[in-house]
Amino acid sequence: MTSVREKIGSSGFHRTVLKNGSPYCYMKVCLLDQETRLNAVELKSLIITGLKDLHGEVGAALPFDVLKFDEGSLTAVLRVCSGGLVKLWSSLTLQGYYQSQACAFRVLQVSRFNL
C-alpha cells in the first residue's frame, strides 16, 4: 500500500490518497433461483458458460476462484484478478438461464479485501 501526500496552498490542508496494490478483487454473489440446487463445481461451470457467451473464448479463460459456496443459500465468494472484475461482473449480471430455467445473480458485495 502506498501513500501520496500533497500540501494545498498555505492553509495547511493535506490530502492523503491511499492506493491499494491488491492484485485481486473479491465478490460476494447470490443466485436468486431458489429451486436450483447446485454445488461449487456446477456454479463455476455456470459462470464460465456465462463468460464464454458474453466474452467468447478469451472471456472463458478469465481466471477466477470460488473460495466459499453455501449450497443452502446459493451464496458464493469469488476471487478474480483486478483486471477481470468488469468482465466477470457483466457476465454475472447478464446470466439468464441455468438448465433451461430462468435464474439471476445478484452481486451483494465487492471488495479489494477478502470477504
PDB file of N, CA and C in Angstrom:
ATOM      1  N   MET A   1       0.851  -1.158   0.000  1.00  0.00           N
ATOM      2  CA  MET A   1       0.000   0.000   0.000  1.00  0.00           C
ATOM      3  C   MET A   1       0.902   1.226   0.000  1.00  0.00           C
ATOM      4  N   THR A   2       0.630   2.170  -0.862  1.00  0.00           N
ATOM      5  CA  THR A   2       1.420   3.385  -0.927  1.00  0.00           C
ATOM      6  C   THR A   2       0.574   4.572  -0.519  1.00  0.00           C
ATOM      7  N   SER A   3       1.227   5.605  -0.087  1.00  0.00           N
ATOM      8  CA  SER A   3       0.528   6.810   0.361  1.00  0.00           C
ATOM      9  C   SER A   3       1.079   8.010  -0.396  1.00  0.00           C
ATOM     10  N   VAL A   4       0.186   8.884  -0.820  1.00  0.00           N
ATOM     11  CA  VAL A   4       0.579  10.102  -1.513  1.00  0.00           C
ATOM     12  C   VAL A   4       0.068  11.275  -0.685  1.00  0.00           C
ATOM     13  N   ARG A   5       0.963  12.154  -0.306  1.00  0.00           N
ATOM     14  CA  ARG A   5       0.563  13.341   0.464  1.00  0.00           C
ATOM     15  C   ARG A   5       0.891  14.580  -0.352  1.00  0.00           C
ATOM     16  N   GLU A   6       0.013  15.557  -0.241  1.00  0.00           N
ATOM     17  CA  GLU A   6       0.215  16.766  -1.013  1.00  0.00           C
ATOM     18  C   GLU A   6      -0.308  17.951  -0.202  1.00  0.00           C
ATOM     19  N   LYS A   7       0.467  19.022  -0.157  1.00  0.00           N
ATOM     20  CA  LYS A   7       0.052  20.226   0.564  1.00  0.00           C
ATOM     21  C   LYS A   7      -0.583  21.181  -0.433  1.00  0.00           C
ATOM     22  N   ILE A   8      -1.779  21.642  -0.094  1.00  0.00           N
ATOM     23  CA  ILE A   8      -2.510  22.527  -0.984  1.00  0.00           C
ATOM     24  C   ILE A   8      -2.532  23.920  -0.369  1.00  0.00           C
ATOM     25  N   GLY A   9      -1.923  24.873  -1.076  1.00  0.00           N
ATOM     26  CA  GLY A   9      -1.948  26.264  -0.616  1.00  0.00           C
ATOM     27  C   GLY A   9      -1.222  26.449   0.706  1.00  0.00           C
ATOM     28  N   SER A  10      -1.468  27.586   1.329  1.00  0.00           N
ATOM     29  CA  SER A  10      -0.833  27.890   2.606  1.00  0.00           C
ATOM     30  C   SER A  10      -1.754  27.595   3.785  1.00  0.00           C
ATOM     31  N   SER A  11      -2.897  26.974   3.509  1.00  0.00           N
ATOM     32  CA  SER A  11      -3.861  26.702   4.575  1.00  0.00           C
ATOM     33  C   SER A  11      -3.434  25.549   5.472  1.00  0.00           C
ATOM     34  N   GLY A  12      -2.449  24.795   5.044  1.00  0.00           N
ATOM     35  CA  GLY A  12      -2.008  23.669   5.850  1.00  0.00           C
ATOM     36  C   GLY A  12      -2.843  22.421   5.639  1.00  0.00           C
ATOM     37  N   PHE A  13      -3.716  22.439   4.653  1.00  0.00           N
ATOM     38  CA  PHE A  13      -4.556  21.282   4.354  1.00  0.00           C
ATOM     39  C   PHE A  13      -3.731  20.222   3.647  1.00  0.00           C
ATOM     40  N   HIS A  14      -3.852  18.990   4.097  1.00  0.00           N
ATOM     41  CA  HIS A  14      -3.147  17.873   3.470  1.00  0.00           C
ATOM     42  C   HIS A  14      -4.156  16.890   2.911  1.00  0.00           C
ATOM     43  N   ARG A  15      -3.914  16.460   1.703  1.00  0.00           N
ATOM     44  CA  ARG A  15      -4.751  15.424   1.105  1.00  0.00           C
ATOM     45  C   ARG A  15      -3.946  14.133   1.109  1.00  0.00           C
ATOM     46  N   THR A  16      -4.543  13.066   1.609  1.00  0.00           N
ATOM     47  CA  THR A  16      -3.896  11.767   1.648  1.00  0.00           C
ATOM     48  C   THR A  16      -4.677  10.806   0.775  1.00  0.00           C
ATOM     49  N   VAL A  17      -3.993  10.179  -0.169  1.00  0.00           N
ATOM     50  CA  VAL A  17      -4.611   9.204  -1.055  1.00  0.00           C
ATOM     51  C   VAL A  17      -3.916   7.871  -0.824  1.00  0.00           C
ATOM     52  N   LEU A  18      -4.695   6.853  -0.508  1.00  0.00           N
ATOM     53  CA  LEU A  18      -4.141   5.519  -0.307  1.00  0.00           C
ATOM     54  C   LEU A  18      -4.467   4.667  -1.517  1.00  0.00           C
ATOM     55  N   LYS A  19      -3.453   4.064  -2.076  1.00  0.00           N
ATOM     56  CA  LYS A  19      -3.645   3.202  -3.231  1.00  0.00           C
ATOM     57  C   LYS A  19      -3.396   1.762  -2.808  1.00  0.00           C
ATOM     58  N   ASN A  20      -4.354   0.912  -3.092  1.00  0.00           N
ATOM     59  CA  ASN A  20      -4.225  -0.491  -2.733  1.00  0.00           C
ATOM     60  C   ASN A  20      -3.611  -1.234  -3.911  1.00  0.00           C
ATOM     61  N   GLY A  21      -2.531  -1.921  -3.682  1.00  0.00           N
ATOM     62  CA  GLY A  21      -1.875  -2.666  -4.730  1.00  0.00           C
ATOM     63  C   GLY A  21      -2.335  -4.107  -4.811  1.00  0.00           C
ATOM     64  N   SER A  22      -3.513  -4.399  -4.304  1.00  0.00           N
ATOM     65  CA  SER A  22      -4.007  -5.773  -4.286  1.00  0.00           C
ATOM     66  C   SER A  22      -4.255  -6.274  -5.703  1.00  0.00           C
ATOM     67  N   PRO A  23      -3.736  -7.446  -6.042  1.00  0.00           N
ATOM     68  CA  PRO A  23      -3.948  -7.972  -7.395  1.00  0.00           C
ATOM     69  C   PRO A  23      -5.322  -8.606  -7.590  1.00  0.00           C
ATOM     70  N   TYR A  24      -6.076  -8.805  -6.521  1.00  0.00           N
ATOM     71  CA  TYR A  24      -7.365  -9.495  -6.616  1.00  0.00           C
ATOM     72  C   TYR A  24      -8.513  -8.635  -6.096  1.00  0.00           C
ATOM     73  N   CYS A  25      -9.701  -8.940  -6.603  1.00  0.00           N
ATOM     74  CA  CYS A  25     -10.948  -8.400  -6.067  1.00  0.00           C
ATOM     75  C   CYS A  25     -11.784  -9.586  -5.610  1.00  0.00           C
ATOM     76  N   TYR A  26     -12.595  -9.357  -4.614  1.00  0.00           N
ATOM     77  CA  TYR A  26     -13.452 -10.404  -4.069  1.00  0.00           C
ATOM     78  C   TYR A  26     -14.901  -9.984  -4.246  1.00  0.00           C
ATOM     79  N   MET A  27     -15.729 -10.920  -4.687  1.00  0.00           N
ATOM     80  CA  MET A  27     -17.147 -10.647  -4.921  1.00  0.00           C
ATOM     81  C   MET A  27     -17.988 -11.624  -4.124  1.00  0.00           C
ATOM     82  N   LYS A  28     -18.974 -11.106  -3.436  1.00  0.00           N
ATOM     83  CA  LYS A  28     -19.959 -11.959  -2.778  1.00  0.00           C
ATOM     84  C   LYS A  28     -21.205 -11.908  -3.647  1.00  0.00           C
ATOM     85  N   VAL A  29     -21.608 -13.064  -4.170  1.00  0.00           N
ATOM     86  CA  VAL A  29     -22.742 -13.126  -5.092  1.00  0.00           C
ATOM     87  C   VAL A  29     -23.766 -14.137  -4.592  1.00  0.00           C
ATOM     88  N   CYS A  30     -24.987 -13.973  -5.058  1.00  0.00           N
ATOM     89  CA  CYS A  30     -26.078 -14.857  -4.674  1.00  0.00           C
ATOM     90  C   CYS A  30     -26.864 -15.224  -5.923  1.00  0.00           C
ATOM     91  N   LEU A  31     -27.172 -16.499  -6.084  1.00  0.00           N
ATOM     92  CA  LEU A  31     -28.023 -16.960  -7.177  1.00  0.00           C
ATOM     93  C   LEU A  31     -29.458 -16.875  -6.692  1.00  0.00           C
ATOM     94  N   LEU A  32     -30.300 -16.150  -7.424  1.00  0.00           N
ATOM     95  CA  LEU A  32     -31.643 -15.841  -6.939  1.00  0.00           C
ATOM     96  C   LEU A  32     -32.654 -16.955  -7.140  1.00  0.00           C
ATOM     97  N   ASP A  33     -32.391 -17.919  -8.000  1.00  0.00           N
ATOM     98  CA  ASP A  33     -33.337 -19.008  -8.244  1.00  0.00           C
ATOM     99  C   ASP A  33     -33.224 -20.032  -7.120  1.00  0.00           C
ATOM    100  N   GLN A  34     -34.177 -20.058  -6.213  1.00  0.00           N
ATOM    101  CA  GLN A  34     -34.124 -20.953  -5.057  1.00  0.00           C
ATOM    102  C   GLN A  34     -34.474 -22.398  -5.408  1.00  0.00           C
ATOM    103  N   GLU A  35     -35.051 -22.635  -6.576  1.00  0.00           N
ATOM    104  CA  GLU A  35     -35.385 -24.007  -6.972  1.00  0.00           C
ATOM    105  C   GLU A  35     -34.161 -24.760  -7.471  1.00  0.00           C
ATOM    106  N   THR A  36     -33.159 -24.040  -7.912  1.00  0.00           N
ATOM    107  CA  THR A  36     -31.956 -24.656  -8.451  1.00  0.00           C
ATOM    108  C   THR A  36     -31.072 -25.147  -7.315  1.00  0.00           C
ATOM    109  N   ARG A  37     -30.616 -26.374  -7.423  1.00  0.00           N
ATOM    110  CA  ARG A  37     -29.669 -26.946  -6.464  1.00  0.00           C
ATOM    111  C   ARG A  37     -28.399 -27.280  -7.227  1.00  0.00           C
ATOM    112  N   LEU A  38     -27.311 -26.674  -6.833  1.00  0.00           N
ATOM    113  CA  LEU A  38     -26.038 -26.972  -7.475  1.00  0.00           C
ATOM    114  C   LEU A  38     -24.918 -26.878  -6.461  1.00  0.00           C
ATOM    115  N   ASN A  39     -23.787 -27.473  -6.818  1.00  0.00           N
ATOM    116  CA  ASN A  39     -22.624 -27.433  -5.933  1.00  0.00           C
ATOM    117  C   ASN A  39     -21.600 -26.441  -6.490  1.00  0.00           C
ATOM    118  N   ALA A  40     -20.452 -26.338  -5.844  1.00  0.00           N
ATOM    119  CA  ALA A  40     -19.446 -25.344  -6.230  1.00  0.00           C
ATOM    120  C   ALA A  40     -18.907 -25.582  -7.638  1.00  0.00           C
ATOM    121  N   VAL A  41     -18.745 -26.844  -8.026  1.00  0.00           N
ATOM    122  CA  VAL A  41     -18.232 -27.159  -9.366  1.00  0.00           C
ATOM    123  C   VAL A  41     -19.244 -26.744 -10.431  1.00  0.00           C
ATOM    124  N   GLU A  42     -20.521 -27.021 -10.192  1.00  0.00           N
ATOM    125  CA  GLU A  42     -21.561 -26.629 -11.145  1.00  0.00           C
ATOM    126  C   GLU A  42     -21.701 -25.111 -11.213  1.00  0.00           C
ATOM    127  N   LEU A  43     -21.511 -24.430 -10.081  1.00  0.00           N
ATOM    128  CA  LEU A  43     -21.552 -22.971 -10.070  1.00  0.00           C
ATOM    129  C   LEU A  43     -20.430 -22.401 -10.926  1.00  0.00           C
ATOM    130  N   LYS A  44     -19.229 -22.930 -10.760  1.00  0.00           N
ATOM    131  CA  LYS A  44     -18.097 -22.441 -11.555  1.00  0.00           C
ATOM    132  C   LYS A  44     -18.338 -22.699 -13.034  1.00  0.00           C
ATOM    133  N   SER A  45     -18.890 -23.853 -13.368  1.00  0.00           N
ATOM    134  CA  SER A  45     -19.210 -24.163 -14.761  1.00  0.00           C
ATOM    135  C   SER A  45     -20.243 -23.190 -15.318  1.00  0.00           C
ATOM    136  N   LEU A  46     -21.248 -22.849 -14.522  1.00  0.00           N
ATOM    137  CA  LEU A  46     -22.270 -21.888 -14.932  1.00  0.00           C
ATOM    138  C   LEU A  46     -21.652 -20.518 -15.200  1.00  0.00           C
ATOM    139  N   ILE A  47     -20.742 -20.088 -14.345  1.00  0.00           N
ATOM    140  CA  ILE A  47     -20.097 -18.789 -14.521  1.00  0.00           C
ATOM    141  C   ILE A  47     -19.205 -18.793 -15.757  1.00  0.00           C
ATOM    142  N   ILE A  48     -18.472 -19.878 -15.980  1.00  0.00           N
ATOM    143  CA  ILE A  48     -17.619 -19.977 -17.168  1.00  0.00           C
ATOM    144  C   ILE A  48     -18.467 -19.939 -18.433  1.00  0.00           C
ATOM    145  N   THR A  49     -19.616 -20.608 -18.415  1.00  0.00           N
ATOM    146  CA  THR A  49     -20.527 -20.576 -19.565  1.00  0.00           C
ATOM    147  C   THR A  49     -21.003 -19.151 -19.832  1.00  0.00           C
ATOM    148  N   GLY A  50     -21.342 -18.417 -18.773  1.00  0.00           N
ATOM    149  CA  GLY A  50     -21.756 -17.024 -18.932  1.00  0.00           C
ATOM    150  C   GLY A  50     -20.646 -16.154 -19.488  1.00  0.00           C
ATOM    151  N   LEU A  51     -19.415 -16.367 -19.010  1.00  0.00           N
ATOM    152  CA  LEU A  51     -18.274 -15.626 -19.541  1.00  0.00           C
ATOM    153  C   LEU A  51     -18.058 -15.930 -21.017  1.00  0.00           C
ATOM    154  N   LYS A  52     -18.188 -17.200 -21.384  1.00  0.00           N
ATOM    155  CA  LYS A  52     -17.989 -17.592 -22.779  1.00  0.00           C
ATOM    156  C   LYS A  52     -19.077 -17.009 -23.674  1.00  0.00           C
ATOM    157  N   ASP A  53     -20.323 -17.015 -23.208  1.00  0.00           N
ATOM    158  CA  ASP A  53     -21.418 -16.468 -24.010  1.00  0.00           C
ATOM    159  C   ASP A  53     -21.243 -14.975 -24.267  1.00  0.00           C
ATOM    160  N   LEU A  54     -20.768 -14.250 -23.276  1.00  0.00           N
ATOM    161  CA  LEU A  54     -20.662 -12.798 -23.407  1.00  0.00           C
ATOM    162  C   LEU A  54     -19.334 -12.351 -24.009  1.00  0.00           C
ATOM    163  N   HIS A  55     -18.235 -12.984 -23.609  1.00  0.00           N
ATOM    164  CA  HIS A  55     -16.907 -12.511 -23.999  1.00  0.00           C
ATOM    165  C   HIS A  55     -16.133 -13.499 -24.872  1.00  0.00           C
ATOM    166  N   GLY A  56     -16.732 -14.606 -25.249  1.00  0.00           N
ATOM    167  CA  GLY A  56     -16.068 -15.571 -26.121  1.00  0.00           C
ATOM    168  C   GLY A  56     -15.051 -16.428 -25.381  1.00  0.00           C
ATOM    169  N   GLU A  57     -14.186 -17.061 -26.150  1.00  0.00           N
ATOM    170  CA  GLU A  57     -13.181 -17.968 -25.582  1.00  0.00           C
ATOM    171  C   GLU A  57     -12.205 -17.237 -24.663  1.00  0.00           C
ATOM    172  N   VAL A  58     -11.887 -16.003 -25.005  1.00  0.00           N
ATOM    173  CA  VAL A  58     -10.970 -15.224 -24.165  1.00  0.00           C
ATOM    174  C   VAL A  58     -11.612 -14.962 -22.805  1.00  0.00           C
ATOM    175  N   GLY A  59     -12.894 -14.649 -22.794  1.00  0.00           N
ATOM    176  CA  GLY A  59     -13.598 -14.427 -21.534  1.00  0.00           C
ATOM    177  C   GLY A  59     -13.702 -15.686 -20.703  1.00  0.00           C
ATOM    178  N   ALA A  60     -13.886 -16.823 -21.362  1.00  0.00           N
ATOM    179  CA  ALA A  60     -13.998 -18.093 -20.647  1.00  0.00           C
ATOM    180  C   ALA A  60     -12.680 -18.480 -19.980  1.00  0.00           C
ATOM    181  N   ALA A  61     -11.576 -17.927 -20.466  1.00  0.00           N
ATOM    182  CA  ALA A  61     -10.263 -18.225 -19.894  1.00  0.00           C
ATOM    183  C   ALA A  61      -9.906 -17.298 -18.728  1.00  0.00           C
ATOM    184  N   LEU A  62     -10.818 -16.418 -18.347  1.00  0.00           N
ATOM    185  CA  LEU A  62     -10.570 -15.487 -17.245  1.00  0.00           C
ATOM    186  C   LEU A  62     -10.367 -16.269 -15.944  1.00  0.00           C
ATOM    187  N   PRO A  63      -9.236 -16.081 -15.272  1.00  0.00           N
ATOM    188  CA  PRO A  63      -9.003 -16.838 -14.031  1.00  0.00           C
ATOM    189  C   PRO A  63      -9.795 -16.267 -12.858  1.00  0.00           C
ATOM    190  N   PHE A  64     -10.585 -17.122 -12.232  1.00  0.00           N
ATOM    191  CA  PHE A  64     -11.297 -16.759 -11.010  1.00  0.00           C
ATOM    192  C   PHE A  64     -11.446 -18.007 -10.165  1.00  0.00           C
ATOM    193  N   ASP A  65     -11.681 -17.825  -8.884  1.00  0.00           N
ATOM    194  CA  ASP A  65     -11.814 -18.941  -7.952  1.00  0.00           C
ATOM    195  C   ASP A  65     -13.093 -18.794  -7.147  1.00  0.00           C
ATOM    196  N   VAL A  66     -13.714 -19.920  -6.847  1.00  0.00           N
ATOM    197  CA  VAL A  66     -14.836 -19.951  -5.917  1.00  0.00           C
ATOM    198  C   VAL A  66     -14.230 -20.290  -4.556  1.00  0.00           C
ATOM    199  N   LEU A  67     -14.124 -19.293  -3.689  1.00  0.00           N
ATOM    200  CA  LEU A  67     -13.488 -19.500  -2.390  1.00  0.00           C
ATOM    201  C   LEU A  67     -14.430 -20.147  -1.388  1.00  0.00           C
ATOM    202  N   LYS A  68     -15.677 -19.700  -1.373  1.00  0.00           N
ATOM    203  CA  LYS A  68     -16.687 -20.247  -0.459  1.00  0.00           C
ATOM    204  C   LYS A  68     -17.981 -20.392  -1.230  1.00  0.00           C
ATOM    205  N   PHE A  69     -18.741 -21.433  -0.903  1.00  0.00           N
ATOM    206  CA  PHE A  69     -20.060 -21.599  -1.511  1.00  0.00           C
ATOM    207  C   PHE A  69     -20.979 -22.263  -0.504  1.00  0.00           C
ATOM    208  N   ASP A  70     -22.108 -21.632  -0.254  1.00  0.00           N
ATOM    209  CA  ASP A  70     -23.122 -22.169   0.647  1.00  0.00           C
ATOM    210  C   ASP A  70     -24.265 -22.695  -0.208  1.00  0.00           C
ATOM    211  N   GLU A  71     -24.424 -24.025  -0.238  1.00  0.00           N
ATOM    212  CA  GLU A  71     -25.444 -24.641  -1.085  1.00  0.00           C
ATOM    213  C   GLU A  71     -26.858 -24.323  -0.619  1.00  0.00           C
ATOM    214  N   GLY A  72     -27.032 -24.039   0.653  1.00  0.00           N
ATOM    215  CA  GLY A  72     -28.362 -23.727   1.174  1.00  0.00           C
ATOM    216  C   GLY A  72     -28.876 -22.382   0.694  1.00  0.00           C
ATOM    217  N   SER A  73     -28.040 -21.366   0.809  1.00  0.00           N
ATOM    218  CA  SER A  73     -28.463 -20.017   0.415  1.00  0.00           C
ATOM    219  C   SER A  73     -28.017 -19.644  -0.994  1.00  0.00           C
ATOM    220  N   LEU A  74     -27.260 -20.534  -1.656  1.00  0.00           N
ATOM    221  CA  LEU A  74     -26.721 -20.294  -3.000  1.00  0.00           C
ATOM    222  C   LEU A  74     -25.897 -19.008  -3.047  1.00  0.00           C
ATOM    223  N   THR A  75     -25.102 -18.792  -2.007  1.00  0.00           N
ATOM    224  CA  THR A  75     -24.242 -17.618  -1.904  1.00  0.00           C
ATOM    225  C   THR A  75     -22.790 -18.061  -2.034  1.00  0.00           C
ATOM    226  N   ALA A  76     -22.008 -17.281  -2.785  1.00  0.00           N
ATOM    227  CA  ALA A  76     -20.613 -17.636  -3.016  1.00  0.00           C
ATOM    228  C   ALA A  76     -19.721 -16.415  -2.875  1.00  0.00           C
ATOM    229  N   VAL A  77     -18.459 -16.670  -2.532  1.00  0.00           N
ATOM    230  CA  VAL A  77     -17.422 -15.645  -2.546  1.00  0.00           C
ATOM    231  C   VAL A  77     -16.465 -16.024  -3.662  1.00  0.00           C
ATOM    232  N   LEU A  78     -16.290 -15.107  -4.609  1.00  0.00           N
ATOM    233  CA  LEU A  78     -15.435 -15.331  -5.763  1.00  0.00           C
ATOM    234  C   LEU A  78     -14.208 -14.433  -5.666  1.00  0.00           C
ATOM    235  N   ARG A  79     -13.061 -14.948  -6.126  1.00  0.00           N
ATOM    236  CA  ARG A  79     -11.843 -14.139  -6.218  1.00  0.00           C
ATOM    237  C   ARG A  79     -11.468 -14.035  -7.690  1.00  0.00           C
ATOM    238  N   VAL A  80     -11.243 -12.819  -8.156  1.00  0.00           N
ATOM    239  CA  VAL A  80     -10.900 -12.588  -9.557  1.00  0.00           C
ATOM    240  C   VAL A  80      -9.759 -11.574  -9.605  1.00  0.00           C
ATOM    241  N   CYS A  81      -8.905 -11.684 -10.621  1.00  0.00           N
ATOM    242  CA  CYS A  81      -7.844 -10.692 -10.769  1.00  0.00           C
ATOM    243  C   CYS A  81      -8.496  -9.331 -11.039  1.00  0.00           C
ATOM    244  N   SER A  82      -7.879  -8.285 -10.561  1.00  0.00           N
ATOM    245  CA  SER A  82      -8.473  -6.949 -10.633  1.00  0.00           C
ATOM    246  C   SER A  82      -8.833  -6.548 -12.056  1.00  0.00           C
ATOM    247  N   GLY A  83      -8.032  -6.946 -13.017  1.00  0.00           N
ATOM    248  CA  GLY A  83      -8.306  -6.594 -14.410  1.00  0.00           C
ATOM    249  C   GLY A  83      -9.506  -7.313 -14.994  1.00  0.00           C
ATOM    250  N   GLY A  84      -9.952  -8.391 -14.380  1.00  0.00           N
ATOM    251  CA  GLY A  84     -11.080  -9.155 -14.898  1.00  0.00           C
ATOM    252  C   GLY A  84     -12.385  -8.904 -14.177  1.00  0.00           C
ATOM    253  N   LEU A  85     -12.387  -7.969 -13.223  1.00  0.00           N
ATOM    254  CA  LEU A  85     -13.588  -7.721 -12.424  1.00  0.00           C
ATOM    255  C   LEU A  85     -14.776  -7.299 -13.281  1.00  0.00           C
ATOM    256  N   VAL A  86     -14.571  -6.386 -14.205  1.00  0.00           N
ATOM    257  CA  VAL A  86     -15.681  -5.877 -15.016  1.00  0.00           C
ATOM    258  C   VAL A  86     -16.251  -6.977 -15.903  1.00  0.00           C
ATOM    259  N   LYS A  87     -15.390  -7.799 -16.484  1.00  0.00           N
ATOM    260  CA  LYS A  87     -15.876  -8.899 -17.331  1.00  0.00           C
ATOM    261  C   LYS A  87     -16.699  -9.897 -16.527  1.00  0.00           C
ATOM    262  N   LEU A  88     -16.202 -10.272 -15.358  1.00  0.00           N
ATOM    263  CA  LEU A  88     -16.927 -11.230 -14.530  1.00  0.00           C
ATOM    264  C   LEU A  88     -18.248 -10.641 -14.058  1.00  0.00           C
ATOM    265  N   TRP A  89     -18.232  -9.415 -13.602  1.00  0.00           N
ATOM    266  CA  TRP A  89     -19.442  -8.765 -13.100  1.00  0.00           C
ATOM    267  C   TRP A  89     -20.486  -8.649 -14.207  1.00  0.00           C
ATOM    268  N   SER A  90     -20.069  -8.249 -15.405  1.00  0.00           N
ATOM    269  CA  SER A  90     -21.029  -8.108 -16.504  1.00  0.00           C
ATOM    270  C   SER A  90     -21.611  -9.451 -16.916  1.00  0.00           C
ATOM    271  N   SER A  91     -20.806 -10.493 -16.926  1.00  0.00           N
ATOM    272  CA  SER A  91     -21.345 -11.802 -17.307  1.00  0.00           C
ATOM    273  C   SER A  91     -22.302 -12.341 -16.248  1.00  0.00           C
ATOM    274  N   LEU A  92     -22.027 -12.070 -14.970  1.00  0.00           N
ATOM    275  CA  LEU A  92     -22.955 -12.487 -13.915  1.00  0.00           C
ATOM    276  C   LEU A  92     -24.272 -11.723 -14.022  1.00  0.00           C
ATOM    277  N   THR A  93     -24.187 -10.440 -14.318  1.00  0.00           N
ATOM    278  CA  THR A  93     -25.386  -9.612 -14.427  1.00  0.00           C
ATOM    279  C   THR A  93     -26.274 -10.071 -15.578  1.00  0.00           C
ATOM    280  N   LEU A  94     -25.672 -10.473 -16.676  1.00  0.00           N
ATOM    281  CA  LEU A  94     -26.439 -10.847 -17.862  1.00  0.00           C
ATOM    282  C   LEU A  94     -26.758 -12.333 -17.944  1.00  0.00           C
ATOM    283  N   GLN A  95     -26.317 -13.115 -16.966  1.00  0.00           N
ATOM    284  CA  GLN A  95     -26.641 -14.545 -16.942  1.00  0.00           C
ATOM    285  C   GLN A  95     -28.139 -14.706 -16.730  1.00  0.00           C
ATOM    286  N   GLY A  96     -28.808 -15.466 -17.607  1.00  0.00           N
ATOM    287  CA  GLY A  96     -30.259 -15.550 -17.509  1.00  0.00           C
ATOM    288  C   GLY A  96     -30.832 -16.934 -17.326  1.00  0.00           C
ATOM    289  N   TYR A  97     -30.071 -17.973 -17.695  1.00  0.00           N
ATOM    290  CA  TYR A  97     -30.631 -19.325 -17.652  1.00  0.00           C
ATOM    291  C   TYR A  97     -29.624 -20.328 -17.124  1.00  0.00           C
ATOM    292  N   TYR A  98     -30.139 -21.312 -16.408  1.00  0.00           N
ATOM    293  CA  TYR A  98     -29.359 -22.470 -15.988  1.00  0.00           C
ATOM    294  C   TYR A  98     -30.225 -23.694 -16.219  1.00  0.00           C
ATOM    295  N   GLN A  99     -29.786 -24.571 -17.099  1.00  0.00           N
ATOM    296  CA  GLN A  99     -30.525 -25.784 -17.470  1.00  0.00           C
ATOM    297  C   GLN A  99     -31.974 -25.459 -17.836  1.00  0.00           C
ATOM    298  N   SER A 100     -32.140 -24.499 -18.727  1.00  0.00           N
ATOM    299  CA  SER A 100     -33.438 -24.070 -19.270  1.00  0.00           C
ATOM    300  C   SER A 100     -34.374 -23.475 -18.221  1.00  0.00           C
ATOM    301  N   GLN A 101     -33.858 -23.101 -17.070  1.00  0.00           N
ATOM    302  CA  GLN A 101     -34.646 -22.416 -16.049  1.00  0.00           C
ATOM    303  C   GLN A 101     -34.108 -20.996 -15.900  1.00  0.00           C
ATOM    304  N   ALA A 102     -35.025 -20.055 -15.758  1.00  0.00           N
ATOM    305  CA  ALA A 102     -34.604 -18.669 -15.557  1.00  0.00           C
ATOM    306  C   ALA A 102     -33.887 -18.536 -14.213  1.00  0.00           C
ATOM    307  N   CYS A 103     -32.787 -17.820 -14.216  1.00  0.00           N
ATOM    308  CA  CYS A 103     -32.043 -17.569 -12.985  1.00  0.00           C
ATOM    309  C   CYS A 103     -31.360 -16.213 -13.105  1.00  0.00           C
ATOM    310  N   ALA A 104     -30.898 -15.698 -12.000  1.00  0.00           N
ATOM    311  CA  ALA A 104     -30.192 -14.418 -11.998  1.00  0.00           C
ATOM    312  C   ALA A 104     -29.222 -14.381 -10.830  1.00  0.00           C
ATOM    313  N   PHE A 105     -28.109 -13.703 -11.045  1.00  0.00           N
ATOM    314  CA  PHE A 105     -27.140 -13.471  -9.980  1.00  0.00           C
ATOM    315  C   PHE A 105     -27.337 -12.073  -9.429  1.00  0.00           C
ATOM    316  N   ARG A 106     -27.158 -11.935  -8.142  1.00  0.00           N
ATOM    317  CA  ARG A 106     -27.136 -10.618  -7.508  1.00  0.00           C
ATOM    318  C   ARG A 106     -25.767 -10.457  -6.866  1.00  0.00           C
ATOM    319  N   VAL A 107     -25.086  -9.378  -7.218  1.00  0.00           N
ATOM    320  CA  VAL A 107     -23.791  -9.072  -6.610  1.00  0.00           C
ATOM    321  C   VAL A 107     -24.070  -8.340  -5.305  1.00  0.00           C
ATOM    322  N   LEU A 108     -23.712  -8.968  -4.193  1.00  0.00           N
ATOM    323  CA  LEU A 108     -24.012  -8.418  -2.878  1.00  0.00           C
ATOM    324  C   LEU A 108     -22.929  -7.479  -2.369  1.00  0.00           C
ATOM    325  N   GLN A 109     -21.671  -7.815  -2.678  1.00  0.00           N
ATOM    326  CA  GLN A 109     -20.564  -7.028  -2.139  1.00  0.00           C
ATOM    327  C   GLN A 109     -19.332  -7.236  -3.001  1.00  0.00           C
ATOM    328  N   VAL A 110     -18.558  -6.177  -3.184  1.00  0.00           N
ATOM    329  CA  VAL A 110     -17.287  -6.241  -3.901  1.00  0.00           C
ATOM    330  C   VAL A 110     -16.248  -5.529  -3.047  1.00  0.00           C
ATOM    331  N   SER A 111     -15.074  -6.153  -2.926  1.00  0.00           N
ATOM    332  CA  SER A 111     -14.034  -5.572  -2.086  1.00  0.00           C
ATOM    333  C   SER A 111     -12.661  -5.970  -2.607  1.00  0.00           C
ATOM    334  N   ARG A 112     -11.677  -5.152  -2.307  1.00  0.00           N
ATOM    335  CA  ARG A 112     -10.286  -5.497  -2.602  1.00  0.00           C
ATOM    336  C   ARG A 112      -9.714  -6.406  -1.517  1.00  0.00           C
ATOM    337  N   PHE A 113     -10.451  -6.533  -0.430  1.00  0.00           N
ATOM    338  CA  PHE A 113     -10.001  -7.343   0.700  1.00  0.00           C
ATOM    339  C   PHE A 113     -10.877  -8.579   0.806  1.00  0.00           C
ATOM    340  N   ASN A 114     -10.321  -9.665   1.317  1.00  0.00           N
ATOM    341  CA  ASN A 114     -11.055 -10.922   1.416  1.00  0.00           C
ATOM    342  C   ASN A 114     -12.305 -10.749   2.282  1.00  0.00           C
ATOM    343  N   LEU A 115     -13.416 -11.272   1.785  1.00  0.00           N
ATOM    344  CA  LEU A 115     -14.699 -11.132   2.490  1.00  0.00           C
ATOM    345  C   LEU A 115     -14.884 -12.250   3.500  1.00  0.00           C
TER     346      LEU A 115
END
